Amino acid sequence: MKRTLSFSILVALALTAVHRPAMAGKKVLYFTHEPGRWHKYTAQKKIFEQIGKKAGWEVTVMSGDHDGQIAKLRTPDFAKGYDAIVYNFCFAHSKDLEAQANLVAQTREHGVPAMLIHCAMHTYRAASFDDWRKFLGVTSRRHEHQSEYPVKKVIKNHPILKGMPDDWKTPKDELYVVDKLWPGAKALATSISERNKKEHAVIWTHQHGKARVFGTTYGHSDATFRDPVFLNYVSRGLLWAAERLDTKK
């Protein structure tokens, strides 16, 4: 499939497997970090907003610089009233225990489903505590070079992966080194390192406390965020986390 298709067509393709009534009118909180140093979060935010609009979701964006965002993460019950929350940010060097504990509590104690994209996995990577990693379902502190990585489906019939070609390769993206898959996390798809041939989870599901968690380490580049296969499985992953995925579609 050519990646030169118009954005409106890409969005439509991304939603071919998403049943509109599944989350129509549901509230999604999208947490991001602007400006991004290594990632174009403003462009990615706009793409997600378009996906939400097409799917009938009510998307609220929380955005700001590092200090502003960390302050918001300390706010108790910041996800109250939302049906799902998306984390697409990168606070790799933060060691803020209070913010991390409050963020995790939104899912573990308060039951708000979560989806995490790319550098969210490297947030708190410098911290000595593991609560964030247990919430993610994976431990990752570094990544390898950018390339077009083949993606192998581990659970081929999982509804999140429906519509993904067996021979799909990412646009040029980073492969995150996953050192550990925590108990309860299930790898749905993997990619192999071009350096040492080690296999790493790149798409997975997890149950953390009262709610579901979906994660993917891909999502670095604009090209990835415009790829219909990526947009499709991310859309379906969010629906799965919120227990709104229509498995018949």
C-alpha atoms as a PDB file:
ATOM      1  CA  MET A   1       0.000   0.000   0.000  1.00  0.00           C
ATOM      2  CA  LYS A   2       1.469   3.367  -0.952  1.00  0.00           C
ATOM      3  CA  ARG A   3       2.111   5.777   1.877  1.00  0.00           C
ATOM      4  CA  THR A   4       1.474   8.738  -0.414  1.00  0.00           C
ATOM      5  CA  LEU A   5      -2.280   8.404   0.016  1.00  0.00           C
ATOM      6  CA  SER A   6      -4.086  11.464   1.341  1.00  0.00           C
ATOM      7  CA  PHE A   7      -4.429  11.748   5.098  1.00  0.00           C
ATOM      8  CA  SER A   8      -8.211  11.502   4.940  1.00  0.00           C
ATOM      9  CA  ILE A   9      -7.897   8.175   3.143  1.00  0.00           C
ATOM     10  CA  LEU A  10      -5.356   6.954   5.700  1.00  0.00           C
ATOM     11  CA  VAL A  11      -7.711   7.801   8.537  1.00  0.00           C
ATOM     12  CA  ALA A  12     -10.554   6.009   6.791  1.00  0.00           C
ATOM     13  CA  LEU A  13      -8.367   2.941   6.271  1.00  0.00           C
ATOM     14  CA  ALA A  14      -7.319   3.010   9.907  1.00  0.00           C
ATOM     15  CA  LEU A  15     -10.930   2.842  10.996  1.00  0.00           C
ATOM     16  CA  THR A  16     -12.113   0.112   8.641  1.00  0.00           C
ATOM     17  CA  ALA A  17     -12.015  -2.414  11.485  1.00  0.00           C
ATOM     18  CA  VAL A  18     -13.382  -0.091  14.157  1.00  0.00           C
ATOM     19  CA  HIS A  19     -17.107  -0.255  14.751  1.00  0.00           C
ATOM     20  CA  ARG A  20     -18.152   3.384  15.217  1.00  0.00           C
ATOM     21  CA  PRO A  21     -20.737   2.840  17.989  1.00  0.00           C
ATOM     22  CA  ALA A  22     -18.084   1.016  20.047  1.00  0.00           C
ATOM     23  CA  MET A  23     -16.878   4.242  21.653  1.00  0.00           C
ATOM     24  CA  ALA A  24     -18.980   6.925  20.012  1.00  0.00           C
ATOM     25  CA  GLY A  25     -19.424   9.703  22.530  1.00  0.00           C
ATOM     26  CA  LYS A  26     -16.875   8.189  24.890  1.00  0.00           C
ATOM     27  CA  LYS A  27     -14.324  10.512  26.442  1.00  0.00           C
ATOM     28  CA  VAL A  28     -10.636   9.966  25.719  1.00  0.00           C
ATOM     29  CA  LEU A  29      -7.882  11.914  27.474  1.00  0.00           C
ATOM     30  CA  TYR A  30      -4.797  12.307  25.288  1.00  0.00           C
ATOM     31  CA  PHE A  31      -1.704  13.194  27.294  1.00  0.00           C
ATOM     32  CA  THR A  32       1.225  14.517  25.274  1.00  0.00           C
ATOM     33  CA  HIS A  33       4.318  16.686  25.580  1.00  0.00           C
ATOM     34  CA  GLU A  34       4.882  19.803  23.523  1.00  0.00           C
ATOM     35  CA  PRO A  35       7.219  20.895  22.219  1.00  0.00           C
ATOM     36  CA  GLY A  36       8.883  17.538  21.660  1.00  0.00           C
ATOM     37  CA  ARG A  37      12.633  17.400  21.243  1.00  0.00           C
ATOM     38  CA  TRP A  38      12.955  14.031  19.532  1.00  0.00           C
ATOM     39  CA  HIS A  39       9.343  13.512  18.454  1.00  0.00           C
ATOM     40  CA  LYS A  40       6.897  15.682  16.547  1.00  0.00           C
ATOM     41  CA  TYR A  41       4.146  15.468  19.124  1.00  0.00           C
ATOM     42  CA  THR A  42       2.110  18.347  17.694  1.00  0.00           C
ATOM     43  CA  ALA A  43       1.704  16.548  14.360  1.00  0.00           C
ATOM     44  CA  GLN A  44       0.946  13.257  16.112  1.00  0.00           C
ATOM     45  CA  LYS A  45      -1.646  14.949  18.313  1.00  0.00           C
ATOM     46  CA  LYS A  46      -3.453  16.298  15.252  1.00  0.00           C
ATOM     47  CA  ILE A  47      -3.531  12.855  13.670  1.00  0.00           C
ATOM     48  CA  PHE A  48      -4.986  11.322  16.829  1.00  0.00           C
ATOM     49  CA  GLU A  49      -7.588  14.068  17.035  1.00  0.00           C
ATOM     50  CA  GLN A  50      -8.659  13.243  13.475  1.00  0.00           C
ATOM     51  CA  ILE A  51      -8.867   9.553  14.325  1.00  0.00           C
ATOM     52  CA  GLY A  52     -10.998  10.397  17.341  1.00  0.00           C
ATOM     53  CA  LYS A  53     -13.276  12.628  15.312  1.00  0.00           C
ATOM     54  CA  LYS A  54     -13.846   9.961  12.681  1.00  0.00           C
ATOM     55  CA  ALA A  55     -14.511   7.340  15.368  1.00  0.00           C
ATOM     56  CA  GLY A  56     -16.897   9.582  17.285  1.00  0.00           C
ATOM     57  CA  TRP A  57     -14.678   9.879  20.378  1.00  0.00           C
ATOM     58  CA  GLU A  58     -14.611  13.021  22.491  1.00  0.00           C
ATOM     59  CA  VAL A  59     -10.862  13.671  22.663  1.00  0.00           C
ATOM     60  CA  THR A  60      -9.444  16.061  25.250  1.00  0.00           C
ATOM     61  CA  VAL A  61      -5.771  16.937  24.824  1.00  0.00           C
ATOM     62  CA  MET A  62      -3.547  17.688  27.810  1.00  0.00           C
ATOM     63  CA  SER A  63      -0.338  19.255  26.585  1.00  0.00           C
ATOM     64  CA  GLY A  64       2.479  21.512  27.688  1.00  0.00           C
ATOM     65  CA  ASP A  65       6.172  21.667  28.466  1.00  0.00           C
ATOM     66  CA  HIS A  66       7.927  19.318  30.872  1.00  0.00           C
ATOM     67  CA  ASP A  67       7.367  21.269  34.104  1.00  0.00           C
ATOM     68  CA  GLY A  68       3.735  21.981  33.310  1.00  0.00           C
ATOM     69  CA  GLN A  69       2.962  18.376  32.497  1.00  0.00           C
ATOM     70  CA  ILE A  70       4.647  16.978  35.581  1.00  0.00           C
ATOM     71  CA  ALA A  71       2.521  19.311  37.710  1.00  0.00           C
ATOM     72  CA  LYS A  72      -0.637  17.980  36.036  1.00  0.00           C
ATOM     73  CA  LEU A  73       0.452  14.418  36.707  1.00  0.00           C
ATOM     74  CA  ARG A  74       0.466  15.176  40.429  1.00  0.00           C
ATOM     75  CA  THR A  75      -3.183  16.255  40.318  1.00  0.00           C
ATOM     76  CA  PRO A  76      -5.315  13.578  42.025  1.00  0.00           C
ATOM     77  CA  ASP A  77      -7.948  11.935  39.809  1.00  0.00           C
ATOM     78  CA  PHE A  78      -6.884  13.855  36.680  1.00  0.00           C
ATOM     79  CA  ALA A  79      -8.407  11.068  34.590  1.00  0.00           C
ATOM     80  CA  LYS A  80     -11.747  11.038  36.411  1.00  0.00           C
ATOM     81  CA  GLY A  81     -14.689  11.018  34.014  1.00  0.00           C
ATOM     82  CA  TYR A  82     -12.721   9.620  31.082  1.00  0.00           C
ATOM     83  CA  ASP A  83     -13.325   6.256  29.455  1.00  0.00           C
ATOM     84  CA  ALA A  84      -9.689   5.826  28.407  1.00  0.00           C
ATOM     85  CA  ILE A  85      -6.390   7.658  28.584  1.00  0.00           C
ATOM     86  CA  VAL A  86      -3.581   7.775  26.016  1.00  0.00           C
ATOM     87  CA  TYR A  87       0.013   8.557  27.003  1.00  0.00           C
ATOM     88  CA  ASN A  88       2.214   9.753  24.160  1.00  0.00           C
ATOM     89  CA  PHE A  89       5.000  11.660  25.887  1.00  0.00           C
ATOM     90  CA  CYS A  90       8.646  11.330  26.881  1.00  0.00           C
ATOM     91  CA  PHE A  91       9.837  12.219  30.381  1.00  0.00           C
ATOM     92  CA  ALA A  92      12.827   9.893  30.293  1.00  0.00           C
ATOM     93  CA  HIS A  93      14.858  11.605  32.989  1.00  0.00           C
ATOM     94  CA  SER A  94      12.086  12.331  35.463  1.00  0.00           C
ATOM     95  CA  LYS A  95      12.377  10.729  38.880  1.00  0.00           C
ATOM     96  CA  ASP A  96       9.229  12.280  40.307  1.00  0.00           C
ATOM     97  CA  LEU A  97       7.827   9.546  42.535  1.00  0.00           C
ATOM     98  CA  GLU A  98       4.669  11.486  43.402  1.00  0.00           C
ATOM     99  CA  ALA A  99       3.694  12.101  39.778  1.00  0.00           C
ATOM    100  CA  GLN A 100       4.477   8.517  38.793  1.00  0.00           C
ATOM    101  CA  ALA A 101       2.413   7.050  41.645  1.00  0.00           C
ATOM    102  CA  ASN A 102      -0.561   9.290  40.873  1.00  0.00           C
ATOM    103  CA  LEU A 103      -0.396   8.481  37.175  1.00  0.00           C
ATOM    104  CA  VAL A 104      -0.336   4.725  37.752  1.00  0.00           C
ATOM    105  CA  ALA A 105      -3.191   5.023  40.269  1.00  0.00           C
ATOM    106  CA  GLN A 106      -5.534   6.291  37.533  1.00  0.00           C
ATOM    107  CA  THR A 107      -5.527   2.786  36.051  1.00  0.00           C
ATOM    108  CA  ARG A 108      -4.568   0.508  38.916  1.00  0.00           C
ATOM    109  CA  GLU A 109      -6.932   1.935  41.539  1.00  0.00           C
ATOM    110  CA  HIS A 110      -9.416   4.095  39.634  1.00  0.00           C
ATOM    111  CA  GLY A 111      -9.928   1.734  36.695  1.00  0.00           C
ATOM    112  CA  VAL A 112      -9.249   4.054  33.739  1.00  0.00           C
ATOM    113  CA  PRO A 113      -7.965   1.963  30.786  1.00  0.00           C
ATOM    114  CA  ALA A 114      -4.677   3.135  29.290  1.00  0.00           C
ATOM    115  CA  MET A 115      -2.827   3.083  25.992  1.00  0.00           C
ATOM    116  CA  LEU A 116       0.884   3.915  25.822  1.00  0.00           C
ATOM    117  CA  ILE A 117       2.840   4.825  22.717  1.00  0.00           C
ATOM    118  CA  HIS A 118       6.582   4.716  22.008  1.00  0.00           C
ATOM    119  CA  CYS A 119       8.587   6.944  24.376  1.00  0.00           C
ATOM    120  CA  ALA A 120       6.018   6.547  27.153  1.00  0.00           C
ATOM    121  CA  MET A 121       7.935   3.304  27.707  1.00  0.00           C
ATOM    122  CA  HIS A 122      11.133   5.269  28.376  1.00  0.00           C
ATOM    123  CA  THR A 123       9.461   7.700  30.757  1.00  0.00           C
ATOM    124  CA  TYR A 124      10.943   7.217  34.252  1.00  0.00           C
ATOM    125  CA  ARG A 125      13.637   4.987  32.775  1.00  0.00           C
ATOM    126  CA  ALA A 126      16.206   6.614  35.076  1.00  0.00           C
ATOM    127  CA  ALA A 127      14.113   5.962  38.184  1.00  0.00           C
ATOM    128  CA  SER A 128      15.117   3.247  40.628  1.00  0.00           C
ATOM    129  CA  PHE A 129      11.512   2.227  41.372  1.00  0.00           C
ATOM    130  CA  ASP A 130       9.580  -0.184  39.154  1.00  0.00           C
ATOM    131  CA  ASP A 131       5.950   0.922  39.578  1.00  0.00           C
ATOM    132  CA  TRP A 132       5.830   2.571  36.157  1.00  0.00           C
ATOM    133  CA  ARG A 133       7.354  -0.465  34.454  1.00  0.00           C
ATOM    134  CA  LYS A 134       4.925  -2.796  36.191  1.00  0.00           C
ATOM    135  CA  PHE A 135       2.112  -0.576  34.906  1.00  0.00           C
ATOM    136  CA  LEU A 136       3.482  -0.650  31.352  1.00  0.00           C
ATOM    137  CA  GLY A 137       4.008  -4.399  31.379  1.00  0.00           C
ATOM    138  CA  VAL A 138       7.542  -4.006  29.971  1.00  0.00           C
ATOM    139  CA  THR A 139      10.930  -2.703  31.011  1.00  0.00           C
ATOM    140  CA  SER A 140      12.828  -0.753  28.350  1.00  0.00           C
ATOM    141  CA  ARG A 141      15.592   1.792  28.858  1.00  0.00           C
ATOM    142  CA  ARG A 142      17.177   2.111  25.417  1.00  0.00           C
ATOM    143  CA  HIS A 143      16.527   1.718  21.716  1.00  0.00           C
ATOM    144  CA  GLU A 144      18.387   0.653  18.606  1.00  0.00           C
ATOM    145  CA  HIS A 145      18.790   2.470  15.289  1.00  0.00           C
ATOM    146  CA  GLN A 146      15.940   3.429  12.998  1.00  0.00           C
ATOM    147  CA  SER A 147      15.025   1.005  10.246  1.00  0.00           C
ATOM    148  CA  GLU A 148      12.052  -0.614   8.525  1.00  0.00           C
ATOM    149  CA  TYR A 149      11.460  -3.481  10.926  1.00  0.00           C
ATOM    150  CA  PRO A 150       9.415  -6.565   9.990  1.00  0.00           C
ATOM    151  CA  VAL A 151       6.676  -7.239  12.548  1.00  0.00           C
ATOM    152  CA  LYS A 152       5.870 -10.849  13.432  1.00  0.00           C
ATOM    153  CA  LYS A 153       2.442 -11.587  14.878  1.00  0.00           C
ATOM    154  CA  VAL A 154       2.765 -13.806  17.961  1.00  0.00           C
ATOM    155  CA  ILE A 155      -0.970 -14.137  18.635  1.00  0.00           C
ATOM    156  CA  LYS A 156      -2.204 -14.051  15.050  1.00  0.00           C
ATOM    157  CA  ASN A 157      -5.924 -14.171  15.798  1.00  0.00           C
ATOM    158  CA  HIS A 158      -5.921 -11.426  18.428  1.00  0.00           C
ATOM    159  CA  PRO A 159      -8.600  -8.843  17.539  1.00  0.00           C
ATOM    160  CA  ILE A 160      -6.163  -5.938  17.955  1.00  0.00           C
ATOM    161  CA  LEU A 161      -4.070  -7.292  15.079  1.00  0.00           C
ATOM    162  CA  LYS A 162      -6.998  -7.904  12.752  1.00  0.00           C
ATOM    163  CA  GLY A 163      -6.204  -6.329   9.391  1.00  0.00           C
ATOM    164  CA  MET A 164      -2.438  -6.364   9.902  1.00  0.00           C
ATOM    165  CA  PRO A 165      -0.660  -8.041   6.967  1.00  0.00           C
ATOM    166  CA  ASP A 166       1.583 -10.968   7.884  1.00  0.00           C
ATOM    167  CA  ASP A 167       4.456  -9.299   6.046  1.00  0.00           C
ATOM    168  CA  TRP A 168       4.042  -5.783   7.439  1.00  0.00           C
ATOM    169  CA  LYS A 169       7.167  -3.711   7.951  1.00  0.00           C
ATOM    170  CA  THR A 170       7.206  -0.458   9.858  1.00  0.00           C
ATOM    171  CA  PRO A 171       8.085   2.798   8.186  1.00  0.00           C
ATOM    172  CA  LYS A 172      11.496   3.934   9.424  1.00  0.00           C
ATOM    173  CA  ASP A 173      11.165   3.672  13.198  1.00  0.00           C
ATOM    174  CA  GLU A 174      13.115   2.828  16.345  1.00  0.00           C
ATOM    175  CA  LEU A 175      13.263  -0.653  17.821  1.00  0.00           C
ATOM    176  CA  TYR A 176      13.024  -0.472  21.612  1.00  0.00           C
ATOM    177  CA  VAL A 177      15.060  -3.005  23.564  1.00  0.00           C
ATOM    178  CA  VAL A 178      12.637  -4.743  25.924  1.00  0.00           C
ATOM    179  CA  ASP A 179      14.623  -6.233  28.793  1.00  0.00           C
ATOM    180  CA  LYS A 180      11.638  -7.691  30.609  1.00  0.00           C
ATOM    181  CA  LEU A 181       8.006  -8.591  30.050  1.00  0.00           C
ATOM    182  CA  TRP A 182       6.248  -8.333  33.415  1.00  0.00           C
ATOM    183  CA  PRO A 183       3.805 -10.996  34.684  1.00  0.00           C
ATOM    184  CA  GLY A 184       0.400 -10.542  33.105  1.00  0.00           C
ATOM    185  CA  ALA A 185       1.709  -8.860  29.966  1.00  0.00           C
ATOM    186  CA  LYS A 186       1.237 -10.730  26.682  1.00  0.00           C
ATOM    187  CA  ALA A 187       3.269  -9.984  23.576  1.00  0.00           C
ATOM    188  CA  LEU A 188       1.043  -9.774  20.498  1.00  0.00           C
ATOM    189  CA  ALA A 189       3.836  -8.992  18.038  1.00  0.00           C
ATOM    190  CA  THR A 190       7.624  -8.822  18.002  1.00  0.00           C
ATOM    191  CA  SER A 191      10.484  -7.487  15.902  1.00  0.00           C
ATOM    192  CA  ILE A 192      14.073  -8.724  15.649  1.00  0.00           C
ATOM    193  CA  SER A 193      17.163  -6.622  16.253  1.00  0.00           C
ATOM    194  CA  GLU A 194      19.306  -6.080  13.182  1.00  0.00           C
ATOM    195  CA  ARG A 195      22.349  -5.897  15.475  1.00  0.00           C
ATOM    196  CA  ASN A 196      22.162  -9.070  17.535  1.00  0.00           C
ATOM    197  CA  LYS A 197      19.047 -10.876  16.249  1.00  0.00           C
ATOM    198  CA  LYS A 198      17.314 -10.685  19.632  1.00  0.00           C
ATOM    199  CA  GLU A 199      13.525 -10.609  19.559  1.00  0.00           C
ATOM    200  CA  HIS A 200      11.653  -7.819  21.320  1.00  0.00           C
ATOM    201  CA  ALA A 201       7.966  -7.279  22.044  1.00  0.00           C
ATOM    202  CA  VAL A 202       6.633  -4.295  20.079  1.00  0.00           C
ATOM    203  CA  ILE A 203       2.871  -4.680  20.665  1.00  0.00           C
ATOM    204  CA  TRP A 204       1.372  -6.129  23.854  1.00  0.00           C
ATOM    205  CA  THR A 205      -1.571  -6.212  26.240  1.00  0.00           C
ATOM    206  CA  HIS A 206      -1.567  -6.053  30.018  1.00  0.00           C
ATOM    207  CA  GLN A 207      -3.947  -6.014  32.962  1.00  0.00           C
ATOM    208  CA  HIS A 208      -2.935  -3.663  35.757  1.00  0.00           C
ATOM    209  CA  GLY A 209      -5.152  -3.548  38.782  1.00  0.00           C
ATOM    210  CA  LYS A 210      -8.696  -2.594  37.823  1.00  0.00           C
ATOM    211  CA  ALA A 211      -8.175  -1.897  34.110  1.00  0.00           C
ATOM    212  CA  ARG A 212      -6.516  -2.947  30.890  1.00  0.00           C
ATOM    213  CA  VAL A 213      -3.331  -1.529  29.390  1.00  0.00           C
ATOM    214  CA  PHE A 214      -2.260  -1.603  25.732  1.00  0.00           C
ATOM    215  CA  GLY A 215       1.218  -0.662  24.568  1.00  0.00           C
ATOM    216  CA  THR A 216       3.353  -0.338  21.453  1.00  0.00           C
ATOM    217  CA  THR A 217       6.966   0.754  21.216  1.00  0.00           C
ATOM    218  CA  TYR A 218       6.539   1.962  17.643  1.00  0.00           C
ATOM    219  CA  GLY A 219       5.392   5.509  16.914  1.00  0.00           C
ATOM    220  CA  HIS A 220       8.622   7.492  16.674  1.00  0.00           C
ATOM    221  CA  SER A 221       8.281   8.937  13.212  1.00  0.00           C
ATOM    222  CA  ASP A 222       5.672  10.924  11.319  1.00  0.00           C
ATOM    223  CA  ALA A 223       5.765   8.182   8.700  1.00  0.00           C
ATOM    224  CA  THR A 224       4.672   5.630  11.290  1.00  0.00           C
ATOM    225  CA  PHE A 225       1.838   7.867  12.494  1.00  0.00           C
ATOM    226  CA  ARG A 226       0.611   8.100   8.912  1.00  0.00           C
ATOM    227  CA  ASP A 227       0.813   4.391   8.198  1.00  0.00           C
ATOM    228  CA  PRO A 228      -2.686   2.841   7.981  1.00  0.00           C
ATOM    229  CA  VAL A 229      -1.551  -0.431   9.558  1.00  0.00           C
ATOM    230  CA  PHE A 230      -0.148   1.389  12.589  1.00  0.00           C
ATOM    231  CA  LEU A 231      -3.212   3.605  12.911  1.00  0.00           C
ATOM    232  CA  ASN A 232      -5.473   0.581  12.645  1.00  0.00           C
ATOM    233  CA  TYR A 233      -3.855  -1.459  15.394  1.00  0.00           C
ATOM    234  CA  VAL A 234      -3.488   1.576  17.660  1.00  0.00           C
ATOM    235  CA  SER A 235      -7.196   2.373  17.216  1.00  0.00           C
ATOM    236  CA  ARG A 236      -8.122  -1.224  17.928  1.00  0.00           C
ATOM    237  CA  GLY A 237      -5.729  -1.336  20.885  1.00  0.00           C
ATOM    238  CA  LEU A 238      -7.475   1.608  22.493  1.00  0.00           C
ATOM    239  CA  LEU A 239     -10.850  -0.047  21.976  1.00  0.00           C
ATOM    240  CA  TRP A 240      -9.517  -3.289  23.464  1.00  0.00           C
ATOM    241  CA  ALA A 241      -8.211  -1.476  26.539  1.00  0.00           C
ATOM    242  CA  ALA A 242     -11.605   0.174  27.020  1.00  0.00           C
ATOM    243  CA  GLU A 243     -13.332  -3.192  26.458  1.00  0.00           C
ATOM    244  CA  ARG A 244     -15.155  -1.750  23.459  1.00  0.00           C
ATOM    245  CA  LEU A 245     -13.587  -3.754  20.664  1.00  0.00           C
ATOM    246  CA  ASP A 246     -16.125  -5.400  18.413  1.00  0.00           C
ATOM    247  CA  THR A 247     -14.407  -8.719  17.700  1.00  0.00           C
ATOM    248  CA  LYS A 248     -16.885  -9.495  14.939  1.00  0.00           C
ATOM    249  CA  LYS A 249     -15.578  -6.634  12.822  1.00  0.00           C
END
